[in-house]
Amino acid sequence: MTDVTGSPDDVLHTLFRSDQGGHEQVVLCQDRATGLKAVIALHSTALGPALGGTRFYPYASEEAAVADALNLSRGMSYKNAMAGLDHGGGKAVIIGDPEQVKTEELLLAYGRFVASLGGRYVTACDVGTYVADMDVVARECRWTTGRSPENGGAGDSSVLTAFGVFQGMRASAQHLWGDPSLRGRAVGIAGVGKVGRHLVEHLLEDGARVVIADVRQDAVGRIVDRYPSVEVAADTERLIRTEGLDVYAPCALGGALNDDSVAELTAGIVCGAANNQLAHPGVEKDLADRGILYAPDYVVNAGGVIQVADELHGFDFDRCREKAAKIFDTTLAIFARAKEDGIPPAAAADRIAEHRMAEARRA
């Protein structure tokens, strides 16, 4: 995935670049009465209505918010294609600190903007938004998923997101070590919030040694209180350099894999829940050159989008868990394609996703 930063002209240039697939539509939303400022980006609807979450974040600038929406929406196109969903890729970002500016009125205004797209975009939770927020948005917009069971939804999608990441991790272990079990392996998790905390549970049940790091000490405290055997690194930088680490799982914000972090990684596998983990083009090759197996983020973290997509048709948890379990086979297929084509796994996943989208456009 290409990083999009810089001036407004740079962002617009990237928006229309044909080699990046182009974005079909970008909507800037503002409601002065509630203070809402948002960006809705639709990358592709080739496979169906664009589906992706709403991120609520205090961006440094409006340009940075647009850039993030473009990156995230493109990633959703690839994620939905690899998950076998009949959905294209979209994403929305709301500008501001959710702890300071999020109100019911603002969320209702945002719902009206999503509804104005007439179903071309289906929204859900992301960083800074929760099930309760989607219940509010849904009062103004029927194209809303990630709602509470009491309001006809599936509830917290982080449960199946973590399950899918665990399946991707098992596939990585199978490919690299010939055994899908993580028993006795040391796994470092950077970020133990929505998804990371569930991933800890899966790994401990499988017999792994777990080391965590998070900028929020309350999140670390909750994990340690519940699972006393979990070890804590002082910060992500120290976690990356932990001796004897077998797997590194970035589960916070994007850009975790950059020139510095890749050079210091001690783990043989990178497999985590964060979106857009590769900070810039070429990082995937750096990982391969160091002999580090990278499980493409948008492949292994697709459990959540599988769940919210299913909600549109009457949610069934067992059916969704069965679909999310297939992430194991999909990840193995990507590793096999990468080996066959002599390319990094990230490039192999892109090729498979692009082929499915191209076939849909031709049809």
Protein backbone atom coordinates (compact mmCIF):
# COMPACT_ATOMS: atom_id res chain seq x y z
CA MET A 1 0.00 0.00 0.00
CA THR A 2 1.35 3.42 -0.93
CA ASP A 3 1.76 6.06 1.76
CA VAL A 4 -0.01 9.34 0.94
CA THR A 5 1.37 12.43 2.65
CA GLY A 6 2.24 16.01 1.80
CA SER A 7 0.51 19.08 0.46
CA PRO A 8 -3.08 19.20 -0.85
CA ASP A 9 -1.69 19.08 -4.39
CA ASP A 10 0.27 15.92 -3.55
CA VAL A 11 -2.84 14.30 -2.08
CA LEU A 12 -4.94 15.17 -5.12
CA HIS A 13 -2.21 13.89 -7.44
CA THR A 14 -2.22 10.55 -5.64
CA LEU A 15 -6.03 10.45 -5.68
CA PHE A 16 -6.08 10.43 -9.48
CA ARG A 17 -2.95 8.34 -10.12
CA SER A 18 -3.94 5.41 -12.31
CA ASP A 19 -1.11 3.24 -10.99
CA GLN A 20 -2.69 3.44 -7.53
CA GLY A 21 -6.06 2.29 -8.85
CA GLY A 22 -7.60 5.75 -8.44
CA HIS A 23 -10.37 6.63 -6.02
CA GLU A 24 -13.92 6.80 -7.29
CA GLN A 25 -15.17 9.43 -4.88
CA VAL A 26 -13.98 11.52 -1.94
CA VAL A 27 -16.50 13.49 0.09
CA LEU A 28 -15.57 16.27 2.51
CA CYS A 29 -18.21 16.65 5.22
CA GLN A 30 -18.72 19.65 7.52
CA ASP A 31 -21.52 20.48 9.91
CA ARG A 32 -20.86 23.74 11.70
CA ALA A 33 -23.63 23.26 14.25
CA THR A 34 -22.02 20.14 15.70
CA GLY A 35 -18.39 20.80 14.76
CA LEU A 36 -18.24 17.75 12.51
CA LYS A 37 -15.38 17.60 10.03
CA ALA A 38 -15.08 14.31 8.19
CA VAL A 39 -13.73 12.70 5.03
CA ILE A 40 -15.41 9.76 3.30
CA ALA A 41 -13.25 8.06 0.67
CA LEU A 42 -14.55 5.43 -1.75
CA HIS A 43 -11.70 3.64 -3.47
CA SER A 44 -13.63 1.02 -5.45
CA THR A 45 -17.13 -0.33 -5.80
CA ALA A 46 -16.17 -2.92 -8.45
CA LEU A 47 -17.11 -5.81 -6.16
CA GLY A 48 -20.09 -4.08 -4.57
CA PRO A 49 -20.88 -1.23 -2.15
CA ALA A 50 -17.77 0.10 -0.43
CA LEU A 51 -17.41 -1.19 3.13
CA GLY A 52 -15.09 0.17 5.78
CA GLY A 53 -14.99 1.67 9.25
CA THR A 54 -15.08 5.20 10.63
CA ARG A 55 -11.89 6.40 12.30
CA PHE A 56 -12.19 9.23 14.86
CA TYR A 57 -8.74 10.74 15.37
CA PRO A 58 -7.06 14.10 16.19
CA TYR A 59 -5.18 14.52 12.91
CA ALA A 60 -2.45 17.14 12.77
CA SER A 61 -4.04 18.68 9.67
CA GLU A 62 -6.94 18.26 7.28
CA GLU A 63 -4.46 17.12 4.63
CA ALA A 64 -3.31 14.33 6.94
CA ALA A 65 -6.92 13.26 7.45
CA VAL A 66 -7.55 13.09 3.70
CA ALA A 67 -4.31 11.16 3.20
CA ASP A 68 -5.31 8.62 5.85
CA ALA A 69 -8.78 8.20 4.36
CA LEU A 70 -7.27 7.54 0.92
CA ASN A 71 -4.80 4.98 2.29
CA LEU A 72 -7.33 3.22 4.46
CA SER A 73 -10.03 3.06 1.78
CA ARG A 74 -7.64 1.55 -0.74
CA GLY A 75 -6.59 -0.99 1.88
CA MET A 76 -10.25 -1.91 2.38
CA SER A 77 -10.64 -2.67 -1.34
CA TYR A 78 -7.80 -5.18 -1.09
CA LYS A 79 -8.99 -6.55 2.27
CA ASN A 80 -12.55 -7.13 1.08
CA ALA A 81 -11.33 -8.71 -2.16
CA MET A 82 -9.02 -11.12 -0.32
CA ALA A 83 -11.76 -11.96 2.17
CA GLY A 84 -14.02 -13.02 -0.70
CA LEU A 85 -16.65 -10.38 0.11
CA ASP A 86 -18.95 -8.76 -2.42
CA HIS A 87 -17.86 -5.32 -1.26
CA GLY A 88 -15.52 -2.65 -2.48
CA GLY A 89 -13.32 -0.48 -0.30
CA GLY A 90 -14.23 2.67 1.56
CA LYS A 91 -13.23 4.44 4.74
CA ALA A 92 -14.24 7.52 6.69
CA VAL A 93 -12.29 9.65 9.14
CA ILE A 94 -13.70 12.18 11.58
CA ILE A 95 -11.22 14.87 12.56
CA GLY A 96 -10.84 15.55 16.29
CA ASP A 97 -10.14 14.00 19.65
CA PRO A 98 -13.07 11.66 20.34
CA GLU A 99 -12.58 12.18 24.08
CA GLN A 100 -13.16 15.90 23.60
CA VAL A 101 -15.51 16.50 20.68
CA LYS A 102 -17.55 13.34 20.15
CA THR A 103 -21.24 14.03 20.81
CA GLU A 104 -24.52 12.38 19.91
CA GLU A 105 -25.40 15.33 17.68
CA LEU A 106 -22.08 15.09 15.82
CA LEU A 107 -22.56 11.36 15.19
CA LEU A 108 -26.11 11.95 13.94
CA ALA A 109 -24.80 14.60 11.54
CA TYR A 110 -22.17 12.16 10.34
CA GLY A 111 -24.87 9.53 9.79
CA ARG A 112 -26.76 11.93 7.55
CA PHE A 113 -23.67 12.44 5.40
CA VAL A 114 -23.17 8.67 5.01
CA ALA A 115 -26.86 8.27 4.16
CA SER A 116 -26.54 10.94 1.47
CA LEU A 117 -24.34 8.52 -0.51
CA GLY A 118 -27.38 6.28 -1.00
CA GLY A 119 -25.72 2.98 -0.05
CA ARG A 120 -22.48 3.37 -2.02
CA TYR A 121 -20.70 3.35 1.36
CA VAL A 122 -21.43 1.10 4.35
CA THR A 123 -19.75 2.18 7.58
CA ALA A 124 -18.68 0.43 10.79
CA CYS A 125 -16.38 0.89 13.80
CA ASP A 126 -12.68 1.72 13.68
CA VAL A 127 -10.14 3.46 15.91
CA GLY A 128 -12.00 5.94 18.12
CA THR A 129 -15.49 4.62 17.37
CA TYR A 130 -17.43 1.89 19.12
CA VAL A 131 -20.61 -0.18 18.93
CA ALA A 132 -22.55 2.45 20.88
CA ASP A 133 -21.45 5.09 18.34
CA MET A 134 -22.69 2.98 15.42
CA ASP A 135 -26.05 2.63 17.17
CA VAL A 136 -26.30 6.43 17.10
CA VAL A 137 -25.14 6.73 13.47
CA ALA A 138 -27.69 4.08 12.48
CA ARG A 139 -30.51 6.30 13.66
CA GLU A 140 -29.80 8.48 10.62
CA CYS A 141 -28.28 5.91 8.26
CA ARG A 142 -29.42 2.38 7.48
CA TRP A 143 -26.08 1.61 5.83
CA THR A 144 -24.42 1.15 9.23
CA THR A 145 -22.92 -2.06 10.65
CA GLY A 146 -21.07 -2.90 13.84
CA ARG A 147 -24.20 -2.11 15.87
CA SER A 148 -25.17 -3.69 19.17
CA PRO A 149 -27.20 -6.91 19.24
CA GLU A 150 -30.01 -4.94 20.91
CA ASN A 151 -30.19 -2.78 17.79
CA GLY A 152 -30.03 -5.59 15.26
CA GLY A 153 -26.27 -5.74 14.96
CA ALA A 154 -23.45 -8.20 15.59
CA GLY A 155 -21.69 -6.30 18.36
CA ASP A 156 -17.93 -6.06 18.84
CA SER A 157 -16.09 -7.06 15.64
CA SER A 158 -12.70 -7.14 17.38
CA VAL A 159 -13.43 -10.70 18.57
CA LEU A 160 -13.32 -12.15 15.06
CA THR A 161 -10.57 -9.74 13.99
CA ALA A 162 -8.32 -11.25 16.65
CA PHE A 163 -9.41 -14.76 15.70
CA GLY A 164 -8.46 -14.10 12.07
CA VAL A 165 -5.06 -12.68 13.04
CA PHE A 166 -4.47 -15.80 15.12
CA GLN A 167 -5.28 -17.94 12.06
CA GLY A 168 -2.82 -15.92 9.99
CA MET A 169 -0.20 -16.40 12.68
CA ARG A 170 -0.81 -20.15 12.71
CA ALA A 171 -0.44 -20.23 8.91
CA SER A 172 2.82 -18.28 9.19
CA ALA A 173 4.14 -20.77 11.73
CA GLN A 174 3.10 -23.65 9.46
CA HIS A 175 4.93 -22.09 6.50
CA LEU A 176 8.10 -21.18 8.39
CA TRP A 177 8.42 -23.97 10.95
CA GLY A 178 6.19 -26.74 9.57
CA ASP A 179 3.85 -26.64 12.57
CA PRO A 180 0.84 -24.33 13.04
CA SER A 181 1.06 -24.39 16.83
CA LEU A 182 2.47 -21.39 18.69
CA ARG A 183 3.18 -23.50 21.76
CA GLY A 184 6.51 -22.51 23.27
CA ARG A 185 6.91 -19.60 20.84
CA ALA A 186 7.46 -16.05 22.08
CA VAL A 187 4.97 -13.56 20.61
CA GLY A 188 5.28 -9.80 21.09
CA ILE A 189 2.08 -7.79 20.79
CA ALA A 190 2.32 -4.03 20.31
CA GLY A 191 -1.06 -2.64 21.33
CA VAL A 192 -3.48 -4.52 23.57
CA GLY A 193 -6.65 -2.55 22.97
CA LYS A 194 -9.73 -3.75 21.12
CA VAL A 195 -8.06 -6.55 19.14
CA GLY A 196 -4.78 -7.11 20.94
CA ARG A 197 -6.42 -8.16 24.20
CA HIS A 198 -8.37 -10.94 22.44
CA LEU A 199 -5.23 -12.04 20.60
CA VAL A 200 -3.46 -12.44 23.96
CA GLU A 201 -6.14 -14.92 25.02
CA HIS A 202 -5.84 -17.01 21.83
CA LEU A 203 -2.07 -17.20 22.16
CA LEU A 204 -2.07 -18.16 25.81
CA GLU A 205 -4.62 -20.89 25.13
CA ASP A 206 -2.27 -22.19 22.42
CA GLY A 207 0.64 -22.29 24.87
CA ALA A 208 2.62 -19.28 23.63
CA ARG A 209 4.76 -16.99 25.73
CA VAL A 210 3.32 -13.48 25.37
CA VAL A 211 5.13 -10.15 25.74
CA ILE A 212 3.13 -6.91 25.39
CA ALA A 213 3.65 -3.17 25.07
CA ASP A 214 1.15 -0.32 24.93
CA VAL A 215 1.39 3.44 25.42
CA ARG A 216 -1.68 3.21 27.69
CA GLN A 217 -0.71 1.83 31.06
CA ASP A 218 -4.34 1.13 31.92
CA ALA A 219 -4.56 -1.26 28.95
CA VAL A 220 -1.37 -3.02 30.06
CA GLY A 221 -2.69 -3.21 33.61
CA ARG A 222 -5.94 -4.87 32.54
CA ILE A 223 -4.04 -7.57 30.64
CA VAL A 224 -1.58 -8.28 33.45
CA ASP A 225 -4.35 -8.38 36.05
CA ARG A 226 -6.22 -10.98 34.03
CA TYR A 227 -3.20 -12.91 32.73
CA PRO A 228 -0.34 -12.72 35.27
CA SER A 229 1.97 -14.81 33.07
CA VAL A 230 2.08 -12.09 30.38
CA GLU A 231 5.37 -10.18 30.28
CA VAL A 232 5.56 -6.42 29.73
CA ALA A 233 8.12 -4.51 27.65
CA ALA A 234 8.79 -0.88 28.58
CA ASP A 235 7.79 0.31 25.12
CA THR A 236 7.37 -0.85 21.52
CA GLU A 237 11.00 -0.14 20.65
CA ARG A 238 12.18 -2.49 23.41
CA LEU A 239 9.54 -5.05 22.43
CA ILE A 240 10.85 -5.15 18.86
CA ARG A 241 14.38 -5.80 20.15
CA THR A 242 13.37 -8.51 22.64
CA GLU A 243 15.77 -11.43 22.38
CA GLY A 244 14.20 -14.75 21.50
CA LEU A 245 11.05 -13.21 20.02
CA ASP A 246 9.54 -15.50 17.39
CA VAL A 247 6.57 -13.43 16.24
CA TYR A 248 5.94 -9.68 16.28
CA ALA A 249 2.29 -8.57 16.14
CA PRO A 250 1.67 -4.85 15.47
CA CYS A 251 -1.87 -4.21 16.73
CA ALA A 252 -1.97 -0.43 17.10
CA LEU A 253 -1.88 2.28 14.42
CA GLY A 254 -0.26 1.91 10.98
CA GLY A 255 3.30 2.54 9.84
CA ALA A 256 4.78 0.18 12.44
CA LEU A 257 7.18 -1.37 9.92
CA ASN A 258 9.70 1.23 8.79
CA ASP A 259 13.40 1.36 8.04
CA ASP A 260 14.37 1.59 11.71
CA SER A 261 11.99 -1.00 13.14
CA VAL A 262 12.69 -3.59 10.42
CA ALA A 263 16.43 -3.25 11.02
CA GLU A 264 15.95 -4.00 14.73
CA LEU A 265 13.37 -6.80 14.54
CA THR A 266 14.43 -10.03 16.19
CA ALA A 267 11.28 -12.01 15.27
CA GLY A 268 11.10 -14.34 12.28
CA ILE A 269 7.43 -13.58 11.62
CA VAL A 270 5.43 -10.35 11.52
CA CYS A 271 1.68 -10.91 11.78
CA GLY A 272 -0.60 -8.36 13.42
CA ALA A 273 -3.94 -6.59 13.36
CA ALA A 274 -2.89 -3.02 12.54
CA ASN A 275 -3.82 -1.60 9.14
CA ASN A 276 -1.19 -0.21 6.74
CA GLN A 277 1.75 -1.63 8.67
CA LEU A 278 4.27 -0.95 5.87
CA ALA A 279 5.37 2.66 6.31
CA HIS A 280 6.43 3.06 2.67
CA PRO A 281 7.01 1.03 -0.51
CA GLY A 282 10.08 -1.18 -0.27
CA VAL A 283 9.64 -2.18 3.37
CA GLU A 284 8.16 -5.50 2.26
CA LYS A 285 11.40 -6.22 0.35
CA ASP A 286 13.51 -5.21 3.35
CA LEU A 287 11.61 -7.75 5.46
CA ALA A 288 12.14 -10.46 2.84
CA ASP A 289 15.84 -9.62 2.53
CA ARG A 290 16.21 -10.09 6.29
CA GLY A 291 14.43 -13.45 6.09
CA ILE A 292 11.41 -12.19 8.04
CA LEU A 293 8.08 -13.65 6.95
CA TYR A 294 5.42 -10.94 6.67
CA ALA A 295 1.74 -11.90 6.74
CA PRO A 296 -0.04 -9.08 4.83
CA ASP A 297 -2.05 -7.06 7.33
CA TYR A 298 -5.21 -6.66 5.28
CA VAL A 299 -5.39 -10.43 4.79
CA VAL A 300 -5.02 -11.55 8.40
CA ASN A 301 -7.08 -8.77 10.01
CA ALA A 302 -10.16 -9.36 7.83
CA GLY A 303 -12.16 -11.16 10.52
CA GLY A 304 -13.84 -7.95 11.60
CA VAL A 305 -14.97 -6.95 8.14
CA ILE A 306 -16.24 -10.49 7.55
CA GLN A 307 -18.41 -10.02 10.64
CA VAL A 308 -19.81 -6.59 9.77
CA ALA A 309 -20.52 -7.67 6.18
CA ASP A 310 -22.47 -10.64 7.49
CA GLU A 311 -24.53 -8.32 9.66
CA LEU A 312 -26.12 -6.91 6.53
CA HIS A 313 -27.69 -10.30 5.84
CA GLY A 314 -28.71 -11.34 9.35
CA PHE A 315 -25.75 -12.03 11.60
CA ASP A 316 -24.74 -15.59 12.45
CA PHE A 317 -21.59 -15.84 14.62
CA ASP A 318 -20.81 -19.47 13.79
CA ARG A 319 -21.06 -18.76 10.07
CA CYS A 320 -18.71 -15.79 10.43
CA ARG A 321 -16.21 -17.72 12.53
CA GLU A 322 -16.13 -20.41 9.86
CA LYS A 323 -15.39 -17.78 7.20
CA ALA A 324 -12.72 -16.14 9.37
CA ALA A 325 -11.07 -19.53 9.92
CA LYS A 326 -10.37 -19.63 6.16
CA ILE A 327 -7.82 -16.85 6.70
CA PHE A 328 -5.45 -19.71 7.57
CA ASP A 329 -5.77 -21.20 4.07
CA THR A 330 -5.73 -17.80 2.35
CA THR A 331 -2.50 -16.84 4.11
CA LEU A 332 -0.84 -20.12 3.13
CA ALA A 333 -1.95 -19.58 -0.49
CA ILE A 334 -0.32 -16.14 -0.49
CA PHE A 335 2.96 -17.55 0.81
CA ALA A 336 2.85 -20.22 -1.89
CA ARG A 337 2.17 -17.59 -4.61
CA ALA A 338 4.99 -15.43 -3.29
CA LYS A 339 7.43 -18.34 -3.47
CA GLU A 340 6.24 -19.31 -6.96
CA ASP A 341 6.54 -15.77 -8.33
CA GLY A 342 9.71 -14.89 -6.41
CA ILE A 343 8.13 -11.84 -4.77
CA PRO A 344 7.36 -10.77 -1.17
CA PRO A 345 4.03 -11.95 0.30
CA ALA A 346 2.64 -8.40 0.30
CA ALA A 347 3.12 -8.18 -3.46
CA ALA A 348 1.58 -11.63 -3.94
CA ALA A 349 -1.51 -10.63 -1.95
CA ASP A 350 -1.85 -7.44 -3.99
CA ARG A 351 -1.73 -9.42 -7.24
CA ILE A 352 -4.45 -11.80 -6.12
CA ALA A 353 -6.71 -8.98 -4.89
CA GLU A 354 -6.14 -6.87 -8.02
CA HIS A 355 -7.01 -9.85 -10.22
CA ARG A 356 -10.35 -10.30 -8.45
CA MET A 357 -11.20 -6.59 -8.73
CA ALA A 358 -10.17 -6.51 -12.39
CA GLU A 359 -12.35 -9.53 -13.14
CA ALA A 360 -15.29 -7.85 -11.44
CA ARG A 361 -14.81 -4.65 -13.44
CA ARG A 362 -14.71 -6.61 -16.70
CA ALA A 363 -17.88 -8.46 -15.73
